Protein backbone atom coordinates (compact mmCIF):
# COMPACT_ATOMS: atom_id res chain seq x y z
CA MET A 1 29.14 5.76 -15.79
CA LYS A 2 32.46 3.96 -14.95
CA SER A 3 33.88 2.90 -18.20
CA ASN A 4 37.43 1.32 -17.97
CA HIS A 5 37.51 0.07 -21.22
CA GLY A 6 37.80 -3.74 -19.66
CA ALA A 7 40.69 -2.74 -17.18
CA GLN A 8 39.99 -4.00 -13.72
CA ARG A 9 42.15 -2.02 -11.29
CA PRO A 10 43.90 -5.28 -8.68
CA GLU A 11 42.99 -5.15 -5.19
CA PHE A 12 46.90 -4.90 -4.18
CA VAL A 13 49.49 -2.75 -5.73
CA PRO A 14 52.92 -3.71 -4.93
CA GLU A 15 54.44 -1.61 -2.86
CA GLY A 16 56.86 1.05 -4.75
CA TYR A 17 54.69 0.46 -8.28
CA PHE A 18 52.00 1.84 -10.07
CA TRP A 19 49.53 -0.11 -11.71
CA LEU A 20 49.26 0.70 -15.51
CA GLY A 21 46.88 -1.53 -16.42
CA GLN A 22 46.18 -5.55 -17.51
CA VAL A 23 47.44 -7.70 -20.70
CA GLY A 24 44.30 -7.48 -23.36
CA ARG A 25 44.05 -9.68 -26.18
CA PRO A 26 46.63 -10.98 -28.38
CA HIS A 27 47.78 -8.45 -31.46
CA GLY A 28 48.96 -10.40 -34.25
CA VAL A 29 50.86 -13.90 -34.02
CA LYS A 30 53.95 -12.77 -32.41
CA GLY A 31 53.25 -12.57 -29.10
CA ALA A 32 52.24 -8.70 -28.83
CA PHE A 33 48.93 -7.61 -27.26
CA PHE A 34 46.78 -4.29 -26.59
CA LEU A 35 47.09 -3.10 -23.05
CA LYS A 36 43.86 -2.52 -20.91
CA THR A 37 43.71 0.55 -19.25
CA GLU A 38 41.18 2.66 -17.20
CA ASP A 39 41.57 5.41 -19.72
CA ASN A 40 42.10 3.58 -22.79
CA ARG A 41 45.83 5.60 -23.44
CA VAL A 42 47.53 5.37 -26.70
CA GLU A 43 50.54 6.80 -25.94
CA TRP A 44 53.29 4.86 -24.09
CA PRO A 45 56.01 7.02 -21.61
CA GLY A 46 59.11 4.93 -22.61
CA TYR A 47 58.95 2.35 -19.78
CA LYS A 48 61.53 -0.28 -20.53
CA GLN A 49 60.98 -2.81 -17.81
CA VAL A 50 57.44 -3.36 -15.77
CA LEU A 51 56.51 -5.86 -13.53
CA LEU A 52 54.41 -8.41 -14.58
CA LYS A 53 52.00 -10.21 -12.35
CA THR A 54 50.36 -13.28 -13.05
CA GLN A 55 47.69 -14.98 -10.84
CA GLY A 56 49.35 -18.07 -9.47
CA GLN A 57 52.68 -17.31 -10.79
CA ALA A 58 55.72 -15.11 -9.27
CA ASP A 59 55.86 -11.46 -10.28
CA THR A 60 58.69 -10.96 -12.56
CA LEU A 61 60.57 -8.41 -14.03
CA VAL A 62 60.05 -7.95 -17.88
CA VAL A 63 61.39 -6.00 -20.73
CA VAL A 64 59.17 -3.76 -22.96
CA GLU A 65 60.79 -4.15 -26.77
CA LYS A 66 57.96 -2.30 -28.34
CA ALA A 67 55.05 0.27 -28.00
CA PHE A 68 52.69 0.91 -30.65
CA VAL A 69 49.50 1.98 -31.89
CA SER A 70 47.30 -0.30 -33.66
CA GLY A 71 43.71 0.33 -34.70
CA GLY A 72 43.16 3.44 -31.95
CA LYS A 73 44.34 1.36 -29.25
CA LEU A 74 48.00 0.67 -27.55
CA ALA A 75 49.63 -2.58 -28.04
CA LEU A 76 52.99 -3.96 -26.29
CA SER A 77 55.64 -6.68 -27.32
CA ILE A 78 57.47 -7.57 -24.28
CA ALA A 79 61.08 -9.96 -24.45
CA GLY A 80 60.36 -13.70 -24.46
CA ILE A 81 56.76 -13.71 -25.56
CA GLY A 82 57.24 -14.56 -29.23
CA HIS A 83 54.20 -16.04 -30.37
CA ARG A 84 50.60 -16.08 -29.81
CA GLU A 85 49.60 -18.89 -27.64
CA ALA A 86 52.48 -17.33 -25.09
CA CYS A 87 50.59 -14.43 -25.00
CA GLU A 88 46.95 -15.79 -24.26
CA SER A 89 48.18 -17.57 -21.61
CA LEU A 90 49.06 -14.08 -19.69
CA TYR A 91 45.34 -12.47 -20.36
CA ASN A 92 44.35 -10.06 -17.87
CA SER A 93 47.80 -10.23 -16.27
CA HIS A 94 48.33 -7.19 -14.29
CA LEU A 95 51.48 -4.39 -15.61
CA PHE A 96 53.08 -2.26 -12.90
CA VAL A 97 55.69 0.21 -13.25
CA ALA A 98 58.10 1.33 -10.77
CA ARG A 99 57.47 4.64 -9.29
CA SER A 100 60.90 6.22 -9.49
CA GLU A 101 60.64 5.56 -13.68
CA ILE A 102 57.70 7.66 -13.46
CA LYS A 103 59.26 11.14 -14.65
CA LYS A 104 56.52 14.33 -14.26
CA SER A 105 56.86 17.86 -13.40
CA GLU A 106 55.74 19.83 -10.33
CA ASP A 107 52.38 20.40 -11.25
CA GLU A 108 51.54 17.03 -13.04
CA TYR A 109 49.69 14.01 -10.82
CA ILE A 110 49.16 10.31 -11.41
CA VAL A 111 45.81 10.19 -12.35
CA GLY A 112 45.61 6.83 -11.01
CA GLU A 113 46.77 8.16 -7.48
CA LEU A 114 43.89 10.49 -7.41
CA LEU A 115 41.62 7.73 -6.68
CA GLY A 116 40.22 7.40 -3.20
CA CYS A 117 41.70 10.90 -2.39
CA VAL A 118 39.43 12.98 0.27
CA VAL A 119 38.09 16.31 -1.90
CA MET A 120 37.67 19.41 0.25
CA VAL A 121 35.59 22.48 -0.93
CA ASP A 122 37.56 25.74 -0.39
CA GLY A 123 35.96 27.32 2.86
CA SER A 124 34.29 24.42 3.97
CA PRO A 125 35.68 22.15 7.37
CA GLU A 126 34.01 19.64 6.22
CA PRO A 127 34.93 16.82 3.64
CA TYR A 128 32.63 17.25 0.52
CA GLY A 129 33.73 13.40 -1.04
CA THR A 130 35.99 11.11 -2.45
CA VAL A 131 37.40 10.74 -5.54
CA VAL A 132 36.15 7.79 -6.97
CA ALA A 133 37.23 7.99 -11.08
CA VAL A 134 39.04 10.32 -13.29
CA HIS A 135 37.49 10.64 -16.44
CA ASN A 136 38.76 11.56 -19.53
CA PHE A 137 36.26 12.76 -22.46
CA GLY A 138 38.78 14.48 -24.49
CA ALA A 139 39.16 18.66 -23.51
CA GLN A 140 40.28 17.72 -20.01
CA GLU A 141 40.16 15.29 -16.83
CA THR A 142 37.39 14.97 -15.14
CA LEU A 143 37.09 14.02 -11.21
CA GLU A 144 34.38 11.76 -10.18
CA ILE A 145 33.22 12.36 -6.67
CA GLN A 146 31.55 10.14 -4.38
CA LYS A 147 29.75 12.53 -1.76
CA LYS A 148 29.90 11.98 1.71
CA ASP A 149 27.73 9.75 3.02
CA SER A 150 26.28 9.22 -0.35
CA GLU A 151 25.95 6.93 -3.50
CA GLU A 152 25.81 10.23 -5.23
CA THR A 153 28.59 11.46 -7.66
CA ILE A 154 29.18 14.47 -9.16
CA LEU A 155 32.00 14.94 -12.10
CA TYR A 156 34.14 18.36 -11.48
CA PRO A 157 36.95 19.27 -14.07
CA PHE A 158 40.43 18.83 -13.35
CA LEU A 159 41.84 22.31 -14.37
CA GLU A 160 44.11 24.50 -12.77
CA SER A 161 41.30 27.50 -13.16
CA PHE A 162 39.18 24.75 -10.59
CA ILE A 163 41.42 23.01 -8.15
CA LEU A 164 43.25 24.80 -5.56
CA SER A 165 45.56 22.03 -4.39
CA VAL A 166 46.53 18.28 -4.29
CA ASP A 167 48.30 17.22 -1.38
CA GLU A 168 49.69 13.72 -2.43
CA GLU A 169 50.95 12.69 1.33
CA LYS A 170 47.69 13.94 2.84
CA ARG A 171 46.11 12.63 0.01
CA GLU A 172 43.70 15.40 -0.36
CA VAL A 173 41.89 17.72 -3.38
CA VAL A 174 40.87 21.02 -2.60
CA VAL A 175 38.40 22.25 -5.15
CA LYS A 176 36.80 25.92 -5.74
CA ASN A 177 33.17 26.37 -4.41
CA GLU A 178 31.22 26.10 -7.85
CA PRO A 179 28.34 25.36 -7.43
CA ALA A 180 27.36 24.64 -11.12
CA PHE A 181 29.65 21.28 -10.66
CA LEU A 182 28.73 20.53 -6.43
CA ASP A 183 24.99 21.14 -6.39
CA ASP A 184 22.59 18.21 -7.09
CA GLN A 185 21.66 19.20 -10.85
CA ASN A 186 25.13 17.74 -11.84
CA SER A 187 24.33 14.56 -10.46
């Protein structure tokens, strides 16, 4: 059930940064590449500078010259990569953006930041489980929650009417007690 569109989240994220995705296959001959992400996004938020982390090399701040959609997938062109061979050598490198560059309103959340959050059900003192994935099936995001002390996961809608609170500091999400989503029938 855990489709990540080919992107593999790194084990380590540099402090002060947020993981965007990985360099995918080249696009054309001028050094552009497709961006592999967990959510298969096609919109680029306008970040001009990102951190490129290539295995065995020093981390490098690079400038995003162009972001565009081709064939329904997001492609990027970065300064200094002018031909396909250079792009191929970056395949599977990770891209990060400084958290200070991420603009969000008070009621917005960075999807990747929800991963690992403890899920509490309103009215229960014990944790229900942990967010292990966030899926977008078109209508809205859906949390995949691994039940406490179990391999079982359930899907729970990430909608204002079902989510009571998200505490990013405590890494906790409080959800409504909705048996239609929380019982064993949903797994």
